Amino acid sequence: MQIRSRIYGRFLSFDKKVDGAVSFFFKHFGKTKFMVKMGQKAQVLGLEKLWDKGPKAFIYFFLFYLIRDTIIYILIPIWIASFTT
């Protein structure tokens, strides 16, 4: 148990040195900070009010999600499946 806590302590100290970038990556795999903030705003404001605040940011938000989800859920599984046939 003590080994685990030492490793975790080292991880936390390294994460603090890089301003939380490592923990952010693990919590929000494949998302930028912009995508996370816009996702939070979409939950709080609703999509229509988010559009009213800034159509350009809204479009970028959905394009980023569209590209990310296409890669993660469509292209990577097809690529992995091509190795099994």
PDB file of N, CA and C in Angstrom:
ATOM      1  N   MET A   1       0.809  -1.191   0.000  1.00  0.00           N
ATOM      2  CA  MET A   1       0.000   0.000   0.000  1.00  0.00           C
ATOM      3  C   MET A   1       0.858   1.263   0.000  1.00  0.00           C
ATOM      4  N   GLN A   2       1.985   1.192   0.696  1.00  0.00           N
ATOM      5  CA  GLN A   2       2.845   2.363   0.800  1.00  0.00           C
ATOM      6  C   GLN A   2       3.502   2.676  -0.543  1.00  0.00           C
ATOM      7  N   ILE A   3       3.794   1.656  -1.315  1.00  0.00           N
ATOM      8  CA  ILE A   3       4.387   1.869  -2.643  1.00  0.00           C
ATOM      9  C   ILE A   3       3.404   2.622  -3.524  1.00  0.00           C
ATOM     10  N   ARG A   4       2.141   2.218  -3.447  1.00  0.00           N
ATOM     11  CA  ARG A   4       1.104   2.894  -4.235  1.00  0.00           C
ATOM     12  C   ARG A   4       0.986   4.370  -3.863  1.00  0.00           C
ATOM     13  N   SER A   5       1.020   4.669  -2.587  1.00  0.00           N
ATOM     14  CA  SER A   5       0.891   6.059  -2.161  1.00  0.00           C
ATOM     15  C   SER A   5       2.115   6.875  -2.576  1.00  0.00           C
ATOM     16  N   ARG A   6       3.309   6.254  -2.581  1.00  0.00           N
ATOM     17  CA  ARG A   6       4.498   6.971  -3.043  1.00  0.00           C
ATOM     18  C   ARG A   6       4.418   7.270  -4.535  1.00  0.00           C
ATOM     19  N   ILE A   7       3.969   6.286  -5.308  1.00  0.00           N
ATOM     20  CA  ILE A   7       3.822   6.490  -6.755  1.00  0.00           C
ATOM     21  C   ILE A   7       2.773   7.564  -7.024  1.00  0.00           C
ATOM     22  N   TYR A   8       1.664   7.506  -6.302  1.00  0.00           N
ATOM     23  CA  TYR A   8       0.617   8.504  -6.470  1.00  0.00           C
ATOM     24  C   TYR A   8       1.106   9.887  -6.068  1.00  0.00           C
ATOM     25  N   GLY A   9       1.892   9.963  -5.018  1.00  0.00           N
ATOM     26  CA  GLY A   9       2.457  11.238  -4.592  1.00  0.00           C
ATOM     27  C   GLY A   9       3.401  11.812  -5.640  1.00  0.00           C
ATOM     28  N   ARG A  10       4.204  10.971  -6.247  1.00  0.00           N
ATOM     29  CA  ARG A  10       5.099  11.429  -7.313  1.00  0.00           C
ATOM     30  C   ARG A  10       4.297  11.907  -8.520  1.00  0.00           C
ATOM     31  N   PHE A  11       3.239  11.156  -8.838  1.00  0.00           N
ATOM     32  CA  PHE A  11       2.381  11.560  -9.944  1.00  0.00           C
ATOM     33  C   PHE A  11       1.774  12.932  -9.685  1.00  0.00           C
ATOM     34  N   LEU A  12       1.267  13.141  -8.483  1.00  0.00           N
ATOM     35  CA  LEU A  12       0.654  14.426  -8.145  1.00  0.00           C
ATOM     36  C   LEU A  12       1.666  15.565  -8.190  1.00  0.00           C
ATOM     37  N   SER A  13       2.889  15.316  -7.724  1.00  0.00           N
ATOM     38  CA  SER A  13       3.892  16.388  -7.766  1.00  0.00           C
ATOM     39  C   SER A  13       4.263  16.719  -9.209  1.00  0.00           C
ATOM     40  N   PHE A  14       4.380  15.694 -10.061  1.00  0.00           N
ATOM     41  CA  PHE A  14       4.671  15.950 -11.476  1.00  0.00           C
ATOM     42  C   PHE A  14       3.503  16.679 -12.136  1.00  0.00           C
ATOM     43  N   ASP A  15       2.282  16.278 -11.789  1.00  0.00           N
ATOM     44  CA  ASP A  15       1.095  16.911 -12.351  1.00  0.00           C
ATOM     45  C   ASP A  15       1.027  18.383 -11.965  1.00  0.00           C
ATOM     46  N   LYS A  16       1.416  18.718 -10.741  1.00  0.00           N
ATOM     47  CA  LYS A  16       1.447  20.124 -10.317  1.00  0.00           C
ATOM     48  C   LYS A  16       2.485  20.912 -11.098  1.00  0.00           C
ATOM     49  N   LYS A  17       3.611  20.278 -11.424  1.00  0.00           N
ATOM     50  CA  LYS A  17       4.664  20.962 -12.179  1.00  0.00           C
ATOM     51  C   LYS A  17       4.209  21.326 -13.583  1.00  0.00           C
ATOM     52  N   VAL A  18       3.344  20.506 -14.172  1.00  0.00           N
ATOM     53  CA  VAL A  18       2.848  20.772 -15.532  1.00  0.00           C
ATOM     54  C   VAL A  18       1.444  21.363 -15.509  1.00  0.00           C
ATOM     55  N   ASP A  19       1.093  22.015 -14.410  1.00  0.00           N
ATOM     56  CA  ASP A  19      -0.176  22.731 -14.253  1.00  0.00           C
ATOM     57  C   ASP A  19      -1.408  21.856 -14.460  1.00  0.00           C
ATOM     58  N   GLY A  20      -1.344  20.630 -14.020  1.00  0.00           N
ATOM     59  CA  GLY A  20      -2.502  19.744 -14.089  1.00  0.00           C
ATOM     60  C   GLY A  20      -2.800  19.188 -15.458  1.00  0.00           C
ATOM     61  N   ALA A  21      -1.855  19.249 -16.379  1.00  0.00           N
ATOM     62  CA  ALA A  21      -2.106  18.787 -17.741  1.00  0.00           C
ATOM     63  C   ALA A  21      -2.303  17.273 -17.818  1.00  0.00           C
ATOM     64  N   VAL A  22      -1.586  16.526 -16.992  1.00  0.00           N
ATOM     65  CA  VAL A  22      -1.694  15.060 -17.046  1.00  0.00           C
ATOM     66  C   VAL A  22      -3.054  14.611 -16.538  1.00  0.00           C
ATOM     67  N   SER A  23      -3.482  15.142 -15.398  1.00  0.00           N
ATOM     68  CA  SER A  23      -4.791  14.745 -14.870  1.00  0.00           C
ATOM     69  C   SER A  23      -5.910  15.229 -15.787  1.00  0.00           C
ATOM     70  N   PHE A  24      -5.739  16.413 -16.390  1.00  0.00           N
ATOM     71  CA  PHE A  24      -6.732  16.898 -17.348  1.00  0.00           C
ATOM     72  C   PHE A  24      -6.846  15.945 -18.521  1.00  0.00           C
ATOM     73  N   PHE A  25      -5.718  15.440 -19.019  1.00  0.00           N
ATOM     74  CA  PHE A  25      -5.733  14.509 -20.149  1.00  0.00           C
ATOM     75  C   PHE A  25      -6.484  13.231 -19.802  1.00  0.00           C
ATOM     76  N   PHE A  26      -6.239  12.688 -18.616  1.00  0.00           N
ATOM     77  CA  PHE A  26      -6.919  11.450 -18.239  1.00  0.00           C
ATOM     78  C   PHE A  26      -8.404  11.655 -17.976  1.00  0.00           C
ATOM     79  N   LYS A  27      -8.772  12.824 -17.420  1.00  0.00           N
ATOM     80  CA  LYS A  27     -10.188  13.090 -17.155  1.00  0.00           C
ATOM     81  C   LYS A  27     -10.963  13.374 -18.431  1.00  0.00           C
ATOM     82  N   HIS A  28     -10.327  14.076 -19.376  1.00  0.00           N
ATOM     83  CA  HIS A  28     -11.016  14.518 -20.590  1.00  0.00           C
ATOM     84  C   HIS A  28     -10.239  14.044 -21.814  1.00  0.00           C
ATOM     85  N   PHE A  29     -10.178  12.733 -22.008  1.00  0.00           N
ATOM     86  CA  PHE A  29      -9.372  12.176 -23.091  1.00  0.00           C
ATOM     87  C   PHE A  29      -9.795  12.729 -24.446  1.00  0.00           C
ATOM     88  N   GLY A  30      -8.881  13.365 -25.127  1.00  0.00           N
ATOM     89  CA  GLY A  30      -9.131  13.856 -26.472  1.00  0.00           C
ATOM     90  C   GLY A  30      -9.872  15.182 -26.560  1.00  0.00           C
ATOM     91  N   LYS A  31     -10.113  15.831 -25.441  1.00  0.00           N
ATOM     92  CA  LYS A  31     -10.834  17.103 -25.457  1.00  0.00           C
ATOM     93  C   LYS A  31      -9.871  18.236 -25.117  1.00  0.00           C
ATOM     94  N   THR A  32     -10.060  19.366 -25.750  1.00  0.00           N
ATOM     95  CA  THR A  32      -9.289  20.550 -25.395  1.00  0.00           C
ATOM     96  C   THR A  32      -9.997  21.268 -24.255  1.00  0.00           C
ATOM     97  N   LYS A  33      -9.308  22.212 -23.629  1.00  0.00           N
ATOM     98  CA  LYS A  33      -9.940  22.977 -22.551  1.00  0.00           C
ATOM     99  C   LYS A  33     -11.123  23.777 -23.079  1.00  0.00           C
ATOM    100  N   PHE A  34     -11.018  24.235 -24.334  1.00  0.00           N
ATOM    101  CA  PHE A  34     -12.127  24.955 -24.962  1.00  0.00           C
ATOM    102  C   PHE A  34     -13.364  24.063 -25.056  1.00  0.00           C
ATOM    103  N   MET A  35     -13.166  22.805 -25.453  1.00  0.00           N
ATOM    104  CA  MET A  35     -14.298  21.888 -25.590  1.00  0.00           C
ATOM    105  C   MET A  35     -14.945  21.606 -24.243  1.00  0.00           C
ATOM    106  N   VAL A  36     -14.138  21.478 -23.209  1.00  0.00           N
ATOM    107  CA  VAL A  36     -14.685  21.212 -21.876  1.00  0.00           C
ATOM    108  C   VAL A  36     -15.497  22.410 -21.387  1.00  0.00           C
ATOM    109  N   LYS A  37     -14.948  23.617 -21.533  1.00  0.00           N
ATOM    110  CA  LYS A  37     -15.673  24.816 -21.098  1.00  0.00           C
ATOM    111  C   LYS A  37     -16.961  25.009 -21.892  1.00  0.00           C
ATOM    112  N   MET A  38     -16.902  24.807 -23.195  1.00  0.00           N
ATOM    113  CA  MET A  38     -18.114  24.962 -24.007  1.00  0.00           C
ATOM    114  C   MET A  38     -19.135  23.887 -23.651  1.00  0.00           C
ATOM    115  N   GLY A  39     -18.683  22.697 -23.330  1.00  0.00           N
ATOM    116  CA  GLY A  39     -19.606  21.651 -22.897  1.00  0.00           C
ATOM    117  C   GLY A  39     -20.307  22.019 -21.610  1.00  0.00           C
ATOM    118  N   GLN A  40     -19.570  22.627 -20.684  1.00  0.00           N
ATOM    119  CA  GLN A  40     -20.180  23.079 -19.434  1.00  0.00           C
ATOM    120  C   GLN A  40     -21.180  24.201 -19.692  1.00  0.00           C
ATOM    121  N   LYS A  41     -20.814  25.125 -20.581  1.00  0.00           N
ATOM    122  CA  LYS A  41     -21.742  26.217 -20.898  1.00  0.00           C
ATOM    123  C   LYS A  41     -22.994  25.675 -21.578  1.00  0.00           C
ATOM    124  N   ALA A  42     -22.825  24.674 -22.441  1.00  0.00           N
ATOM    125  CA  ALA A  42     -23.984  24.092 -23.117  1.00  0.00           C
ATOM    126  C   ALA A  42     -24.931  23.443 -22.118  1.00  0.00           C
ATOM    127  N   GLN A  43     -24.371  22.833 -21.071  1.00  0.00           N
ATOM    128  CA  GLN A  43     -25.219  22.215 -20.057  1.00  0.00           C
ATOM    129  C   GLN A  43     -25.936  23.265 -19.223  1.00  0.00           C
ATOM    130  N   VAL A  44     -25.250  24.348 -18.906  1.00  0.00           N
ATOM    131  CA  VAL A  44     -25.839  25.371 -18.038  1.00  0.00           C
ATOM    132  C   VAL A  44     -26.825  26.251 -18.808  1.00  0.00           C
ATOM    133  N   LEU A  45     -26.403  26.761 -19.961  1.00  0.00           N
ATOM    134  CA  LEU A  45     -27.223  27.714 -20.700  1.00  0.00           C
ATOM    135  C   LEU A  45     -28.255  27.054 -21.611  1.00  0.00           C
ATOM    136  N   GLY A  46     -27.919  25.922 -22.132  1.00  0.00           N
ATOM    137  CA  GLY A  46     -28.752  25.322 -23.179  1.00  0.00           C
ATOM    138  C   GLY A  46     -28.178  25.703 -24.531  1.00  0.00           C
ATOM    139  N   LEU A  47     -28.446  24.916 -25.532  1.00  0.00           N
ATOM    140  CA  LEU A  47     -27.829  25.122 -26.844  1.00  0.00           C
ATOM    141  C   LEU A  47     -28.291  26.401 -27.532  1.00  0.00           C
ATOM    142  N   GLU A  48     -29.549  26.764 -27.373  1.00  0.00           N
ATOM    143  CA  GLU A  48     -30.039  27.973 -28.049  1.00  0.00           C
ATOM    144  C   GLU A  48     -29.389  29.232 -27.483  1.00  0.00           C
ATOM    145  N   LYS A  49     -29.276  29.322 -26.163  1.00  0.00           N
ATOM    146  CA  LYS A  49     -28.643  30.493 -25.556  1.00  0.00           C
ATOM    147  C   LYS A  49     -27.140  30.513 -25.845  1.00  0.00           C
ATOM    148  N   LEU A  50     -26.547  29.334 -25.953  1.00  0.00           N
ATOM    149  CA  LEU A  50     -25.131  29.266 -26.305  1.00  0.00           C
ATOM    150  C   LEU A  50     -24.916  29.804 -27.716  1.00  0.00           C
ATOM    151  N   TRP A  51     -25.825  29.484 -28.632  1.00  0.00           N
ATOM    152  CA  TRP A  51     -25.750  30.013 -29.996  1.00  0.00           C
ATOM    153  C   TRP A  51     -25.875  31.539 -29.987  1.00  0.00           C
ATOM    154  N   ASP A  52     -26.785  32.046 -29.142  1.00  0.00           N
ATOM    155  CA  ASP A  52     -26.977  33.496 -29.050  1.00  0.00           C
ATOM    156  C   ASP A  52     -25.735  34.208 -28.508  1.00  0.00           C
ATOM    157  N   LYS A  53     -25.002  33.560 -27.634  1.00  0.00           N
ATOM    158  CA  LYS A  53     -23.799  34.173 -27.073  1.00  0.00           C
ATOM    159  C   LYS A  53     -22.693  34.291 -28.114  1.00  0.00           C
ATOM    160  N   GLY A  54     -22.584  33.311 -29.015  1.00  0.00           N
ATOM    161  CA  GLY A  54     -21.518  33.366 -30.014  1.00  0.00           C
ATOM    162  C   GLY A  54     -21.624  32.240 -31.013  1.00  0.00           C
ATOM    163  N   PRO A  55     -22.202  32.491 -32.188  1.00  0.00           N
ATOM    164  CA  PRO A  55     -22.361  31.437 -33.180  1.00  0.00           C
ATOM    165  C   PRO A  55     -21.023  30.842 -33.650  1.00  0.00           C
ATOM    166  N   LYS A  56     -19.995  31.669 -33.719  1.00  0.00           N
ATOM    167  CA  LYS A  56     -18.704  31.184 -34.199  1.00  0.00           C
ATOM    168  C   LYS A  56     -18.129  30.146 -33.224  1.00  0.00           C
ATOM    169  N   ALA A  57     -18.145  30.450 -31.939  1.00  0.00           N
ATOM    170  CA  ALA A  57     -17.652  29.511 -30.933  1.00  0.00           C
ATOM    171  C   ALA A  57     -18.504  28.244 -30.904  1.00  0.00           C
ATOM    172  N   PHE A  58     -19.797  28.404 -31.078  1.00  0.00           N
ATOM    173  CA  PHE A  58     -20.706  27.262 -31.107  1.00  0.00           C
ATOM    174  C   PHE A  58     -20.364  26.318 -32.252  1.00  0.00           C
ATOM    175  N   ILE A  59     -20.097  26.880 -33.422  1.00  0.00           N
ATOM    176  CA  ILE A  59     -19.764  26.060 -34.600  1.00  0.00           C
ATOM    177  C   ILE A  59     -18.430  25.356 -34.388  1.00  0.00           C
ATOM    178  N   TYR A  60     -17.431  26.076 -33.876  1.00  0.00           N
ATOM    179  CA  TYR A  60     -16.141  25.441 -33.585  1.00  0.00           C
ATOM    180  C   TYR A  60     -16.300  24.301 -32.599  1.00  0.00           C
ATOM    181  N   PHE A  61     -17.110  24.511 -31.578  1.00  0.00           N
ATOM    182  CA  PHE A  61     -17.350  23.499 -30.559  1.00  0.00           C
ATOM    183  C   PHE A  61     -17.877  22.212 -31.198  1.00  0.00           C
ATOM    184  N   PHE A  62     -18.900  22.328 -32.039  1.00  0.00           N
ATOM    185  CA  PHE A  62     -19.460  21.128 -32.642  1.00  0.00           C
ATOM    186  C   PHE A  62     -18.549  20.522 -33.694  1.00  0.00           C
ATOM    187  N   LEU A  63     -17.791  21.330 -34.404  1.00  0.00           N
ATOM    188  CA  LEU A  63     -16.835  20.767 -35.354  1.00  0.00           C
ATOM    189  C   LEU A  63     -15.759  19.972 -34.631  1.00  0.00           C
ATOM    190  N   PHE A  64     -15.246  20.517 -33.509  1.00  0.00           N
ATOM    191  CA  PHE A  64     -14.246  19.771 -32.740  1.00  0.00           C
ATOM    192  C   PHE A  64     -14.810  18.448 -32.252  1.00  0.00           C
ATOM    193  N   TYR A  65     -16.032  18.484 -31.714  1.00  0.00           N
ATOM    194  CA  TYR A  65     -16.646  17.246 -31.243  1.00  0.00           C
ATOM    195  C   TYR A  65     -16.905  16.285 -32.396  1.00  0.00           C
ATOM    196  N   LEU A  66     -17.347  16.781 -33.533  1.00  0.00           N
ATOM    197  CA  LEU A  66     -17.617  15.927 -34.683  1.00  0.00           C
ATOM    198  C   LEU A  66     -16.343  15.245 -35.155  1.00  0.00           C
ATOM    199  N   ILE A  67     -15.270  15.999 -35.261  1.00  0.00           N
ATOM    200  CA  ILE A  67     -14.004  15.425 -35.706  1.00  0.00           C
ATOM    201  C   ILE A  67     -13.477  14.433 -34.674  1.00  0.00           C
ATOM    202  N   ARG A  68     -13.499  14.795 -33.416  1.00  0.00           N
ATOM    203  CA  ARG A  68     -13.003  13.915 -32.355  1.00  0.00           C
ATOM    204  C   ARG A  68     -13.792  12.611 -32.289  1.00  0.00           C
ATOM    205  N   ASP A  69     -15.112  12.715 -32.284  1.00  0.00           N
ATOM    206  CA  ASP A  69     -15.939  11.520 -32.193  1.00  0.00           C
ATOM    207  C   ASP A  69     -15.821  10.650 -33.438  1.00  0.00           C
ATOM    208  N   THR A  70     -15.664  11.262 -34.601  1.00  0.00           N
ATOM    209  CA  THR A  70     -15.485  10.483 -35.823  1.00  0.00           C
ATOM    210  C   THR A  70     -14.206   9.667 -35.743  1.00  0.00           C
ATOM    211  N   ILE A  71     -13.149  10.281 -35.253  1.00  0.00           N
ATOM    212  CA  ILE A  71     -11.879   9.560 -35.139  1.00  0.00           C
ATOM    213  C   ILE A  71     -11.970   8.456 -34.095  1.00  0.00           C
ATOM    214  N   ILE A  72     -12.493   8.790 -32.919  1.00  0.00           N
ATOM    215  CA  ILE A  72     -12.509   7.829 -31.813  1.00  0.00           C
ATOM    216  C   ILE A  72     -13.477   6.677 -32.056  1.00  0.00           C
ATOM    217  N   TYR A  73     -14.677   6.962 -32.550  1.00  0.00           N
ATOM    218  CA  TYR A  73     -15.712   5.936 -32.599  1.00  0.00           C
ATOM    219  C   TYR A  73     -15.906   5.307 -33.977  1.00  0.00           C
ATOM    220  N   ILE A  74     -15.327   5.877 -35.027  1.00  0.00           N
ATOM    221  CA  ILE A  74     -15.523   5.305 -36.361  1.00  0.00           C
ATOM    222  C   ILE A  74     -14.188   4.879 -36.976  1.00  0.00           C
ATOM    223  N   LEU A  75     -13.249   5.796 -37.099  1.00  0.00           N
ATOM    224  CA  LEU A  75     -12.016   5.501 -37.816  1.00  0.00           C
ATOM    225  C   LEU A  75     -11.104   4.517 -37.081  1.00  0.00           C
ATOM    226  N   ILE A  76     -10.917   4.705 -35.786  1.00  0.00           N
ATOM    227  CA  ILE A  76     -10.052   3.794 -35.030  1.00  0.00           C
ATOM    228  C   ILE A  76     -10.615   2.375 -34.997  1.00  0.00           C
ATOM    229  N   PRO A  77     -11.913   2.152 -34.734  1.00  0.00           N
ATOM    230  CA  PRO A  77     -12.425   0.785 -34.786  1.00  0.00           C
ATOM    231  C   PRO A  77     -12.303   0.145 -36.184  1.00  0.00           C
ATOM    232  N   ILE A  78     -12.488   0.923 -37.239  1.00  0.00           N
ATOM    233  CA  ILE A  78     -12.312   0.371 -38.592  1.00  0.00           C
ATOM    234  C   ILE A  78     -10.853  -0.013 -38.806  1.00  0.00           C
ATOM    235  N   TRP A  79      -9.942   0.828 -38.346  1.00  0.00           N
ATOM    236  CA  TRP A  79      -8.520   0.555 -38.498  1.00  0.00           C
ATOM    237  C   TRP A  79      -8.123  -0.708 -37.731  1.00  0.00           C
ATOM    238  N   ILE A  80      -8.641  -0.870 -36.505  1.00  0.00           N
ATOM    239  CA  ILE A  80      -8.338  -2.071 -35.707  1.00  0.00           C
ATOM    240  C   ILE A  80      -8.971  -3.299 -36.344  1.00  0.00           C
ATOM    241  N   ALA A  81     -10.180  -3.164 -36.872  1.00  0.00           N
ATOM    242  CA  ALA A  81     -10.848  -4.293 -37.520  1.00  0.00           C
ATOM    243  C   ALA A  81     -10.120  -4.730 -38.788  1.00  0.00           C
ATOM    244  N   SER A  82      -9.428  -3.818 -39.450  1.00  0.00           N
ATOM    245  CA  SER A  82      -8.696  -4.189 -40.664  1.00  0.00           C
ATOM    246  C   SER A  82      -7.529  -5.129 -40.355  1.00  0.00           C
ATOM    247  N   PHE A  83      -7.027  -5.091 -39.132  1.00  0.00           N
ATOM    248  CA  PHE A  83      -5.947  -6.014 -38.748  1.00  0.00           C
ATOM    249  C   PHE A  83      -6.460  -7.422 -38.475  1.00  0.00           C
ATOM    250  N   THR A  84      -7.716  -7.559 -38.145  1.00  0.00           N
ATOM    251  CA  THR A  84      -8.261  -8.879 -37.763  1.00  0.00           C
ATOM    252  C   THR A  84      -8.771  -9.663 -38.962  1.00  0.00           C
ATOM    253  N   THR A  85      -8.882  -9.027 -40.115  1.00  0.00           N
ATOM    254  CA  THR A  85      -9.378  -9.776 -41.267  1.00  0.00           C
ATOM    255  C   THR A  85      -8.264 -10.229 -42.161  1.00  0.00           C
TER     256      THR A  85
END
